[in-house]
PDB file of N, CA and C in Angstrom:
ATOM      1  N   UNK A   1       0.012   7.671  15.359  1.00  0.00           N
ATOM      2  CA  UNK A   1       0.152   6.977  14.097  1.00  0.00           C
ATOM      3  C   UNK A   1       0.716   5.581  14.287  1.00  0.00           C
ATOM      4  N   UNK A   2       1.623   5.436  15.206  1.00  0.00           N
ATOM      5  CA  UNK A   2       2.218   4.138  15.567  1.00  0.00           C
ATOM      6  C   UNK A   2       1.989   3.820  17.018  1.00  0.00           C
ATOM      7  N   UNK A   3       1.822   2.578  17.301  1.00  0.00           N
ATOM      8  CA  UNK A   3       1.692   2.073  18.670  1.00  0.00           C
ATOM      9  C   UNK A   3       2.873   1.186  18.973  1.00  0.00           C
ATOM     10  N   UNK A   4       3.605   1.410  20.097  1.00  0.00           N
ATOM     11  CA  UNK A   4       4.682   0.678  20.520  1.00  0.00           C
ATOM     12  C   UNK A   4       4.219  -0.507  21.365  1.00  0.00           C
ATOM     13  N   UNK A   5       4.540  -1.768  20.925  1.00  0.00           N
ATOM     14  CA  UNK A   5       4.077  -2.942  21.667  1.00  0.00           C
ATOM     15  C   UNK A   5       5.256  -3.799  21.987  1.00  0.00           C
ATOM     16  N   UNK A   6       5.284  -4.391  23.180  1.00  0.00           N
ATOM     17  CA  UNK A   6       6.402  -5.338  23.540  1.00  0.00           C
ATOM     18  C   UNK A   6       6.479  -6.465  22.540  1.00  0.00           C
ATOM     19  N   UNK A   7       7.693  -6.757  22.118  1.00  0.00           N
ATOM     20  CA  UNK A   7       7.942  -7.838  21.124  1.00  0.00           C
ATOM     21  C   UNK A   7       7.940  -9.210  21.757  1.00  0.00           C
ATOM     22  N   UNK A   8       8.611  -9.293  22.862  1.00  0.00           N
ATOM     23  CA  UNK A   8       8.677 -10.534  23.635  1.00  0.00           C
ATOM     24  C   UNK A   8       9.065 -10.055  25.043  1.00  0.00           C
ATOM     25  N   UNK A   9       9.602 -11.032  25.874  1.00  0.00           N
ATOM     26  CA  UNK A   9       9.957 -10.670  27.199  1.00  0.00           C
ATOM     27  C   UNK A   9      11.232  -9.817  27.331  1.00  0.00           C
ATOM     28  N   UNK A  10      12.024  -9.857  26.281  1.00  0.00           N
ATOM     29  CA  UNK A  10      13.214  -8.973  26.286  1.00  0.00           C
ATOM     30  C   UNK A  10      12.746  -7.514  26.048  1.00  0.00           C
ATOM     31  N   UNK A  11      13.603  -6.553  26.363  1.00  0.00           N
ATOM     32  CA  UNK A  11      13.195  -5.160  26.131  1.00  0.00           C
ATOM     33  C   UNK A  11      13.238  -4.796  24.624  1.00  0.00           C
ATOM     34  N   UNK A  12      12.389  -5.483  23.825  1.00  0.00           N
ATOM     35  CA  UNK A  12      12.301  -5.189  22.386  1.00  0.00           C
ATOM     36  C   UNK A  12      10.850  -4.853  22.145  1.00  0.00           C
ATOM     37  N   UNK A  13      10.659  -3.972  21.086  1.00  0.00           N
ATOM     38  CA  UNK A  13       9.329  -3.541  20.751  1.00  0.00           C
ATOM     39  C   UNK A  13       9.084  -3.586  19.208  1.00  0.00           C
ATOM     40  N   UNK A  14       7.850  -3.723  18.883  1.00  0.00           N
ATOM     41  CA  UNK A  14       7.470  -3.563  17.481  1.00  0.00           C
ATOM     42  C   UNK A  14       6.559  -2.354  17.400  1.00  0.00           C
ATOM     43  N   UNK A  15       6.513  -1.754  16.293  1.00  0.00           N
ATOM     44  CA  UNK A  15       5.682  -0.574  16.079  1.00  0.00           C
ATOM     45  C   UNK A  15       4.589  -0.880  15.039  1.00  0.00           C
ATOM     46  N   UNK A  16       3.362  -0.750  15.476  1.00  0.00           N
ATOM     47  CA  UNK A  16       2.191  -1.167  14.690  1.00  0.00           C
ATOM     48  C   UNK A  16       1.362   0.061  14.360  1.00  0.00           C
ATOM     49  N   UNK A  17       0.896   0.130  13.068  1.00  0.00           N
ATOM     50  CA  UNK A  17       0.060   1.260  12.679  1.00  0.00           C
ATOM     51  C   UNK A  17      -1.228   1.296  13.517  1.00  0.00           C
ATOM     52  N   UNK A  18      -1.578   2.450  13.972  1.00  0.00           N
ATOM     53  CA  UNK A  18      -2.853   2.633  14.626  1.00  0.00           C
ATOM     54  C   UNK A  18      -3.936   2.830  13.526  1.00  0.00           C
ATOM     55  N   UNK A  19      -5.174   2.937  13.915  1.00  0.00           N
ATOM     56  CA  UNK A  19      -6.251   3.259  12.940  1.00  0.00           C
ATOM     57  C   UNK A  19      -5.946   4.513  12.206  1.00  0.00           C
ATOM     58  N   UNK A  20      -5.494   5.514  12.920  1.00  0.00           N
ATOM     59  CA  UNK A  20      -5.155   6.843  12.296  1.00  0.00           C
ATOM     60  C   UNK A  20      -4.016   6.623  11.319  1.00  0.00           C
ATOM     61  N   UNK A  21      -3.029   5.878  11.639  1.00  0.00           N
ATOM     62  CA  UNK A  21      -1.896   5.606  10.730  1.00  0.00           C
ATOM     63  C   UNK A  21      -2.336   4.839   9.488  1.00  0.00           C
ATOM     64  N   UNK A  22      -3.217   3.846   9.698  1.00  0.00           N
ATOM     65  CA  UNK A  22      -3.755   3.112   8.541  1.00  0.00           C
ATOM     66  C   UNK A  22      -4.500   3.987   7.552  1.00  0.00           C
ATOM     67  N   UNK A  23      -5.304   4.984   8.099  1.00  0.00           N
ATOM     68  CA  UNK A  23      -5.981   5.867   7.239  1.00  0.00           C
ATOM     69  C   UNK A  23      -5.079   6.884   6.508  1.00  0.00           C
ATOM     70  N   UNK A  24      -3.930   7.203   7.162  1.00  0.00           N
ATOM     71  CA  UNK A  24      -2.939   8.023   6.508  1.00  0.00           C
ATOM     72  C   UNK A  24      -2.363   7.279   5.300  1.00  0.00           C
ATOM     73  N   UNK A  25      -2.073   6.015   5.461  1.00  0.00           N
ATOM     74  CA  UNK A  25      -1.566   5.183   4.404  1.00  0.00           C
ATOM     75  C   UNK A  25      -2.557   5.129   3.218  1.00  0.00           C
ATOM     76  N   UNK A  26      -3.877   5.025   3.589  1.00  0.00           N
ATOM     77  CA  UNK A  26      -4.898   5.066   2.534  1.00  0.00           C
ATOM     78  C   UNK A  26      -4.784   6.347   1.747  1.00  0.00           C
ATOM     79  N   UNK A  27      -4.605   7.465   2.397  1.00  0.00           N
ATOM     80  CA  UNK A  27      -4.488   8.737   1.742  1.00  0.00           C
ATOM     81  C   UNK A  27      -3.229   8.789   0.840  1.00  0.00           C
ATOM     82  N   UNK A  28      -2.128   8.244   1.399  1.00  0.00           N
ATOM     83  CA  UNK A  28      -0.885   8.236   0.568  1.00  0.00           C
ATOM     84  C   UNK A  28      -1.025   7.341  -0.672  1.00  0.00           C
ATOM     85  N   UNK A  29      -1.778   6.263  -0.526  1.00  0.00           N
ATOM     86  CA  UNK A  29      -1.981   5.364  -1.699  1.00  0.00           C
ATOM     87  C   UNK A  29      -2.815   6.102  -2.793  1.00  0.00           C
ATOM     88  N   UNK A  30      -3.811   6.876  -2.362  1.00  0.00           N
ATOM     89  CA  UNK A  30      -4.632   7.682  -3.332  1.00  0.00           C
ATOM     90  C   UNK A  30      -3.718   8.728  -3.948  1.00  0.00           C
ATOM     91  N   UNK A  31      -2.878   9.339  -3.229  1.00  0.00           N
ATOM     92  CA  UNK A  31      -1.916  10.296  -3.746  1.00  0.00           C
ATOM     93  C   UNK A  31      -0.951   9.634  -4.758  1.00  0.00           C
ATOM     94  N   UNK A  32      -0.520   8.462  -4.415  1.00  0.00           N
ATOM     95  CA  UNK A  32       0.316   7.633  -5.327  1.00  0.00           C
ATOM     96  C   UNK A  32      -0.415   7.367  -6.649  1.00  0.00           C
ATOM     97  N   UNK A  33      -1.712   7.008  -6.567  1.00  0.00           N
ATOM     98  CA  UNK A  33      -2.494   6.819  -7.757  1.00  0.00           C
ATOM     99  C   UNK A  33      -2.548   8.070  -8.635  1.00  0.00           C
ATOM    100  N   UNK A  34      -2.711   9.246  -8.007  1.00  0.00           N
ATOM    101  CA  UNK A  34      -2.698  10.444  -8.758  1.00  0.00           C
ATOM    102  C   UNK A  34      -1.381  10.680  -9.434  1.00  0.00           C
ATOM    103  N   UNK A  35      -0.292  10.461  -8.713  1.00  0.00           N
ATOM    104  CA  UNK A  35       1.092  10.632  -9.296  1.00  0.00           C
ATOM    105  C   UNK A  35       1.261   9.645 -10.425  1.00  0.00           C
ATOM    106  N   UNK A  36       0.857   8.364 -10.236  1.00  0.00           N
ATOM    107  CA  UNK A  36       0.992   7.405 -11.322  1.00  0.00           C
ATOM    108  C   UNK A  36       0.222   7.830 -12.607  1.00  0.00           C
ATOM    109  N   UNK A  37      -1.006   8.359 -12.382  1.00  0.00           N
ATOM    110  CA  UNK A  37      -1.787   8.797 -13.582  1.00  0.00           C
ATOM    111  C   UNK A  37      -1.135   9.933 -14.304  1.00  0.00           C
ATOM    112  N   UNK A  38      -0.597  10.905 -13.616  1.00  0.00           N
ATOM    113  CA  UNK A  38      -0.165  12.111 -14.219  1.00  0.00           C
ATOM    114  C   UNK A  38       1.352  12.213 -14.434  1.00  0.00           C
ATOM    115  N   UNK A  39       2.156  11.402 -13.703  1.00  0.00           N
ATOM    116  CA  UNK A  39       3.590  11.536 -13.780  1.00  0.00           C
ATOM    117  C   UNK A  39       4.403  10.312 -14.098  1.00  0.00           C
ATOM    118  N   UNK A  40       3.758   9.143 -14.183  1.00  0.00           N
ATOM    119  CA  UNK A  40       4.542   7.910 -14.340  1.00  0.00           C
ATOM    120  C   UNK A  40       5.294   7.813 -15.650  1.00  0.00           C
ATOM    121  N   UNK A  41       4.755   8.384 -16.727  1.00  0.00           N
ATOM    122  CA  UNK A  41       5.415   8.347 -18.004  1.00  0.00           C
ATOM    123  C   UNK A  41       5.221   6.990 -18.680  1.00  0.00           C
ATOM    124  N   UNK A  42       5.949   6.776 -19.782  1.00  0.00           N
ATOM    125  CA  UNK A  42       5.795   5.596 -20.599  1.00  0.00           C
ATOM    126  C   UNK A  42       6.232   4.295 -19.876  1.00  0.00           C
ATOM    127  N   UNK A  43       7.119   4.387 -18.968  1.00  0.00           N
ATOM    128  CA  UNK A  43       7.645   3.193 -18.252  1.00  0.00           C
ATOM    129  C   UNK A  43       6.582   2.609 -17.325  1.00  0.00           C
ATOM    130  N   UNK A  44       5.596   3.425 -16.932  1.00  0.00           N
ATOM    131  CA  UNK A  44       4.558   2.914 -16.063  1.00  0.00           C
ATOM    132  C   UNK A  44       4.854   3.248 -14.652  1.00  0.00           C
ATOM    133  N   UNK A  45       3.965   2.877 -13.740  1.00  0.00           N
ATOM    134  CA  UNK A  45       4.200   3.205 -12.352  1.00  0.00           C
ATOM    135  C   UNK A  45       5.345   2.481 -11.709  1.00  0.00           C
ATOM    136  N   UNK A  46       6.087   3.073 -10.751  1.00  0.00           N
ATOM    137  CA  UNK A  46       7.208   2.446 -10.148  1.00  0.00           C
ATOM    138  C   UNK A  46       6.878   1.319  -9.143  1.00  0.00           C
ATOM    139  N   UNK A  47       5.599   1.335  -8.615  1.00  0.00           N
ATOM    140  CA  UNK A  47       5.170   0.347  -7.668  1.00  0.00           C
ATOM    141  C   UNK A  47       3.785  -0.164  -8.037  1.00  0.00           C
ATOM    142  N   UNK A  48       3.606  -1.449  -7.941  1.00  0.00           N
ATOM    143  CA  UNK A  48       2.266  -2.045  -8.172  1.00  0.00           C
ATOM    144  C   UNK A  48       1.832  -2.651  -6.827  1.00  0.00           C
ATOM    145  N   UNK A  49       0.504  -2.959  -6.732  1.00  0.00           N
ATOM    146  CA  UNK A  49      -0.076  -3.451  -5.474  1.00  0.00           C
ATOM    147  C   UNK A  49      -0.865  -4.767  -5.709  1.00  0.00           C
ATOM    148  N   UNK A  50      -0.566  -5.841  -4.990  1.00  0.00           N
ATOM    149  CA  UNK A  50      -1.358  -7.058  -5.075  1.00  0.00           C
ATOM    150  C   UNK A  50      -2.354  -7.011  -3.955  1.00  0.00           C
ATOM    151  N   UNK A  51      -3.646  -7.226  -4.320  1.00  0.00           N
ATOM    152  CA  UNK A  51      -4.728  -7.108  -3.363  1.00  0.00           C
ATOM    153  C   UNK A  51      -4.903  -8.481  -2.725  1.00  0.00           C
ATOM    154  N   UNK A  52      -4.902  -8.530  -1.380  1.00  0.00           N
ATOM    155  CA  UNK A  52      -4.983  -9.746  -0.643  1.00  0.00           C
ATOM    156  C   UNK A  52      -6.263 -10.496  -0.893  1.00  0.00           C
ATOM    157  N   UNK A  53      -7.391  -9.776  -1.082  1.00  0.00           N
ATOM    158  CA  UNK A  53      -8.724 -10.447  -1.193  1.00  0.00           C
ATOM    159  C   UNK A  53      -8.818 -11.247  -2.483  1.00  0.00           C
ATOM    160  N   UNK A  54      -8.284 -10.741  -3.622  1.00  0.00           N
ATOM    161  CA  UNK A  54      -8.467 -11.408  -4.902  1.00  0.00           C
ATOM    162  C   UNK A  54      -7.156 -11.896  -5.488  1.00  0.00           C
ATOM    163  N   UNK A  55      -5.991 -11.472  -4.957  1.00  0.00           N
ATOM    164  CA  UNK A  55      -4.705 -11.942  -5.429  1.00  0.00           C
ATOM    165  C   UNK A  55      -4.258 -11.239  -6.718  1.00  0.00           C
ATOM    166  N   UNK A  56      -5.012 -10.322  -7.234  1.00  0.00           N
ATOM    167  CA  UNK A  56      -4.670  -9.647  -8.455  1.00  0.00           C
ATOM    168  C   UNK A  56      -3.845  -8.376  -8.215  1.00  0.00           C
ATOM    169  N   UNK A  57      -3.014  -8.060  -9.194  1.00  0.00           N
ATOM    170  CA  UNK A  57      -2.226  -6.798  -9.146  1.00  0.00           C
ATOM    171  C   UNK A  57      -3.133  -5.697  -9.721  1.00  0.00           C
ATOM    172  N   UNK A  58      -3.166  -4.564  -9.011  1.00  0.00           N
ATOM    173  CA  UNK A  58      -4.049  -3.501  -9.425  1.00  0.00           C
ATOM    174  C   UNK A  58      -3.369  -2.161  -9.243  1.00  0.00           C
ATOM    175  N   UNK A  59      -3.853  -1.184  -9.945  1.00  0.00           N
ATOM    176  CA  UNK A  59      -3.399   0.201  -9.758  1.00  0.00           C
ATOM    177  C   UNK A  59      -3.972   0.689  -8.384  1.00  0.00           C
ATOM    178  N   UNK A  60      -3.465   1.790  -7.959  1.00  0.00           N
ATOM    179  CA  UNK A  60      -3.903   2.331  -6.625  1.00  0.00           C
ATOM    180  C   UNK A  60      -5.283   2.957  -6.801  1.00  0.00           C
ATOM    181  N   UNK A  61      -6.158   2.488  -5.910  1.00  0.00           N
ATOM    182  CA  UNK A  61      -7.543   3.033  -5.807  1.00  0.00           C
ATOM    183  C   UNK A  61      -7.991   2.608  -4.441  1.00  0.00           C
ATOM    184  N   UNK A  62      -9.094   3.123  -3.977  1.00  0.00           N
ATOM    185  CA  UNK A  62      -9.655   2.710  -2.712  1.00  0.00           C
ATOM    186  C   UNK A  62     -10.349   1.383  -2.905  1.00  0.00           C
ATOM    187  N   UNK A  63     -10.515   0.963  -4.112  1.00  0.00           N
ATOM    188  CA  UNK A  63     -11.166  -0.381  -4.429  1.00  0.00           C
ATOM    189  C   UNK A  63     -10.336  -1.052  -5.490  1.00  0.00           C
ATOM    190  N   UNK A  64     -10.241  -2.362  -5.368  1.00  0.00           N
ATOM    191  CA  UNK A  64      -9.594  -3.176  -6.373  1.00  0.00           C
ATOM    192  C   UNK A  64     -10.254  -3.063  -7.727  1.00  0.00           C
ATOM    193  N   UNK A  65      -9.453  -2.809  -8.742  1.00  0.00           N
ATOM    194  CA  UNK A  65     -10.007  -2.738 -10.113  1.00  0.00           C
ATOM    195  C   UNK A  65     -10.491  -4.074 -10.610  1.00  0.00           C
ATOM    196  N   UNK A  66     -10.106  -5.168  -9.956  1.00  0.00           N
ATOM    197  CA  UNK A  66     -10.448  -6.499 -10.363  1.00  0.00           C
ATOM    198  C   UNK A  66     -11.718  -7.064  -9.666  1.00  0.00           C
ATOM    199  N   UNK A  67     -11.828  -6.882  -8.337  1.00  0.00           N
ATOM    200  CA  UNK A  67     -12.926  -7.527  -7.643  1.00  0.00           C
ATOM    201  C   UNK A  67     -13.867  -6.479  -6.986  1.00  0.00           C
ATOM    202  N   UNK A  68     -13.479  -5.210  -6.996  1.00  0.00           N
ATOM    203  CA  UNK A  68     -14.312  -4.180  -6.416  1.00  0.00           C
ATOM    204  C   UNK A  68     -14.257  -4.058  -4.891  1.00  0.00           C
ATOM    205  N   UNK A  69     -13.436  -4.935  -4.261  1.00  0.00           N
ATOM    206  CA  UNK A  69     -13.345  -4.895  -2.796  1.00  0.00           C
ATOM    207  C   UNK A  69     -12.457  -3.752  -2.381  1.00  0.00           C
ATOM    208  N   UNK A  70     -12.647  -3.202  -1.103  1.00  0.00           N
ATOM    209  CA  UNK A  70     -11.821  -2.106  -0.655  1.00  0.00           C
ATOM    210  C   UNK A  70     -10.335  -2.485  -0.560  1.00  0.00           C
ATOM    211  N   UNK A  71      -9.490  -1.504  -0.887  1.00  0.00           N
ATOM    212  CA  UNK A  71      -8.025  -1.701  -0.779  1.00  0.00           C
ATOM    213  C   UNK A  71      -7.521  -0.750   0.233  1.00  0.00           C
ATOM    214  N   UNK A  72      -6.940  -1.299   1.337  1.00  0.00           N
ATOM    215  CA  UNK A  72      -6.360  -0.452   2.405  1.00  0.00           C
ATOM    216  C   UNK A  72      -4.936  -1.021   2.632  1.00  0.00           C
ATOM    217  N   UNK A  73      -4.228  -0.337   3.531  1.00  0.00           N
ATOM    218  CA  UNK A  73      -2.824  -0.662   3.754  1.00  0.00           C
ATOM    219  C   UNK A  73      -2.561  -2.129   4.095  1.00  0.00           C
ATOM    220  N   UNK A  74      -3.409  -2.736   4.838  1.00  0.00           N
ATOM    221  CA  UNK A  74      -3.202  -4.156   5.193  1.00  0.00           C
ATOM    222  C   UNK A  74      -3.745  -5.126   4.178  1.00  0.00           C
ATOM    223  N   UNK A  75      -4.323  -4.647   3.079  1.00  0.00           N
ATOM    224  CA  UNK A  75      -4.913  -5.502   2.066  1.00  0.00           C
ATOM    225  C   UNK A  75      -4.036  -5.659   0.804  1.00  0.00           C
ATOM    226  N   UNK A  76      -2.879  -5.111   0.762  1.00  0.00           N
ATOM    227  CA  UNK A  76      -2.055  -5.155  -0.446  1.00  0.00           C
ATOM    228  C   UNK A  76      -0.627  -5.472  -0.136  1.00  0.00           C
ATOM    229  N   UNK A  77       0.087  -5.992  -1.115  1.00  0.00           N
ATOM    230  CA  UNK A  77       1.570  -6.198  -1.027  1.00  0.00           C
ATOM    231  C   UNK A  77       2.196  -5.321  -2.097  1.00  0.00           C
ATOM    232  N   UNK A  78       3.104  -4.406  -1.774  1.00  0.00           N
ATOM    233  CA  UNK A  78       3.752  -3.593  -2.810  1.00  0.00           C
ATOM    234  C   UNK A  78       4.711  -4.496  -3.577  1.00  0.00           C
ATOM    235  N   UNK A  79       4.687  -4.409  -4.919  1.00  0.00           N
ATOM    236  CA  UNK A  79       5.578  -5.156  -5.831  1.00  0.00           C
ATOM    237  C   UNK A  79       6.266  -4.207  -6.758  1.00  0.00           C
ATOM    238  N   UNK A  80       7.436  -4.534  -7.240  1.00  0.00           N
ATOM    239  CA  UNK A  80       8.071  -3.652  -8.160  1.00  0.00           C
ATOM    240  C   UNK A  80       7.263  -3.617  -9.495  1.00  0.00           C
ATOM    241  N   UNK A  81       7.120  -2.373 -10.011  1.00  0.00           N
ATOM    242  CA  UNK A  81       6.343  -2.232 -11.242  1.00  0.00           C
ATOM    243  C   UNK A  81       7.345  -2.000 -12.441  1.00  0.00           C
ATOM    244  N   UNK A  82       6.749  -1.810 -13.600  1.00  0.00           N
ATOM    245  CA  UNK A  82       7.631  -1.673 -14.821  1.00  0.00           C
ATOM    246  C   UNK A  82       8.418  -0.418 -14.775  1.00  0.00           C
ATOM    247  N   UNK A  83       8.004   0.593 -13.999  1.00  0.00           N
ATOM    248  CA  UNK A  83       8.761   1.858 -13.890  1.00  0.00           C
ATOM    249  C   UNK A  83       9.784   1.925 -12.793  1.00  0.00           C
ATOM    250  N   UNK A  84       9.962   0.803 -12.046  1.00  0.00           N
ATOM    251  CA  UNK A  84      10.949   0.726 -10.970  1.00  0.00           C
ATOM    252  C   UNK A  84      12.353   0.631 -11.558  1.00  0.00           C
ATOM    253  N   UNK A  85      13.292   1.291 -10.906  1.00  0.00           N
ATOM    254  CA  UNK A  85      14.696   1.206 -11.307  1.00  0.00           C
ATOM    255  C   UNK A  85      15.224  -0.170 -10.936  1.00  0.00           C
ATOM    256  N   UNK A  86      15.936  -0.800 -11.827  1.00  0.00           N
ATOM    257  CA  UNK A  86      16.443  -2.159 -11.557  1.00  0.00           C
ATOM    258  C   UNK A  86      17.858  -2.052 -10.975  1.00  0.00           C
TER     259      UNK A  86
END
């Protein structure tokens, strides 16, 4: 799921999602969409996602509701939604 890569010449490492890990995040995003649809309540979803390709905030789906382009883990920025605790 994660690949350990040297960060620099010091003994430091970064952990990067593998292809398998990225696909797991896609699955978790779809599950989040299901939870938002059925459990978010009147306050709305606790997390929103901004799609890198079009810059619009969209609900969770495998495609952006605004431009129709695919949405994957590296294509979105999580933002606080109206249902997030302040």
